[in-house]
Amino acid sequence: MKTLLLFIVTIGISTSLFSQKQKVIFDCDLGGDIDDAFALALLLSSHEELDILGICMDHGDTEGRARIANKILYETGFDNIPVYVGRHTVNVAGEDTVPAGPSPQYIWAENFNRKISELTPAADLIVKTLNRYPGEVILFTVGPVDNIEDVLKKDPNALQKAKRVISMFGSVEKGYGGSDEISAEWNVRANIPASQMLMNSGANLLLAPLDITAHVVLSDKYLSGITMRKTPLTDAVSSLYSLWYHQANWANQPVMFDGVAVGMLLWPELFETRKAYIYVDEEGYTREDKTKEPNCQIGVKIKDEEFLLRMYRKLIEQGYKR
């Protein structure tokens, strides 16, 4: 009888722990490449597992990006999720002198004002939240890390208080298009000093580099199903996709760079990772130093077809509060 009672209690505790939502913050450059929109859609489709504490906009015209996020959240019934705006930045730190953007995707949310962004700057929100919930929050960074630079300037130890920082970041052994030559990946190159700060932050870092993201393409069979589903979320993503597709001159299929980073939290069994010491050089390349103790984990393999199938199912099977 004691054994049976212990078993019941243990099962109850395990179920309770498993049912707790994982707190997350999502820092992105929505409105640029289309993968940000699909990554946000995947997060929203996983709202039963995730407690989304805030969506943060970084890089370039952050106000324009925020309007897109606010409209998505409003139309899908997630009005309660706040949107925080980072500072406007140039396109590539140290090179360009004009703000990044605008993007044709901004048309979709032009003049939208039914939900507005929070007054608190994005970096302040991240610092405040990590201090409030030490060891509890997963922080996603899937754009240039301008906001992370501001976070570390405000509190150099802030990222160490995150449960984990998951970043779509870098190129370790493979580059764009599956090249055997590594690339200066965009999120790194856009702000090299900030990227160096991230890698030196002491955070519990998990990187989704080009090695596991650049070949994960959402093909037409999935895109057609998403378009035909006709929910508020799939309609929003499809509208943004059509604007992105036009900008891309109908030449590209969407690569799920940022969606893969979200998938590393949702479905870790689909990934193989290893520990490594990664640093950012002065040209924006992420290089490995095998003589040093690891400062992060990096994704090295992904079951990409299974990931795409699961992502697709999430998007077409999601429920809504309204």
Foldseek 3Di string as FASTA:
>chain_A
DVVVVVVVVVVVVVVVVQQDAFEEEEEEAAQDALLVLLQVLLVQLCVSRHDYQEYEHDFFPQQLRQLLVCVLCVLQANLVHAYAYADFDPQAPPPGDHGDDDHLLSVVRPPPDPHHHDPDHPLVVLQVVLVVQFLGYEYEHEAAVPSQLVNCVVPLQSQQRHVEYQYLAAFEQADAPRHRDHDLDSSCRRYVVSNQSVLVSLHAYEYEYCLAFRPQFQDPVLLVVLCVLDDSSSVSSNVSVVRSCVVVVVPDTRTNSRNVSVCCVVPVVFWDKDFFRWGADPNRHIYTDRVDGGSYIYTNYGPRVVSSVVSSCSSNVGDGPD
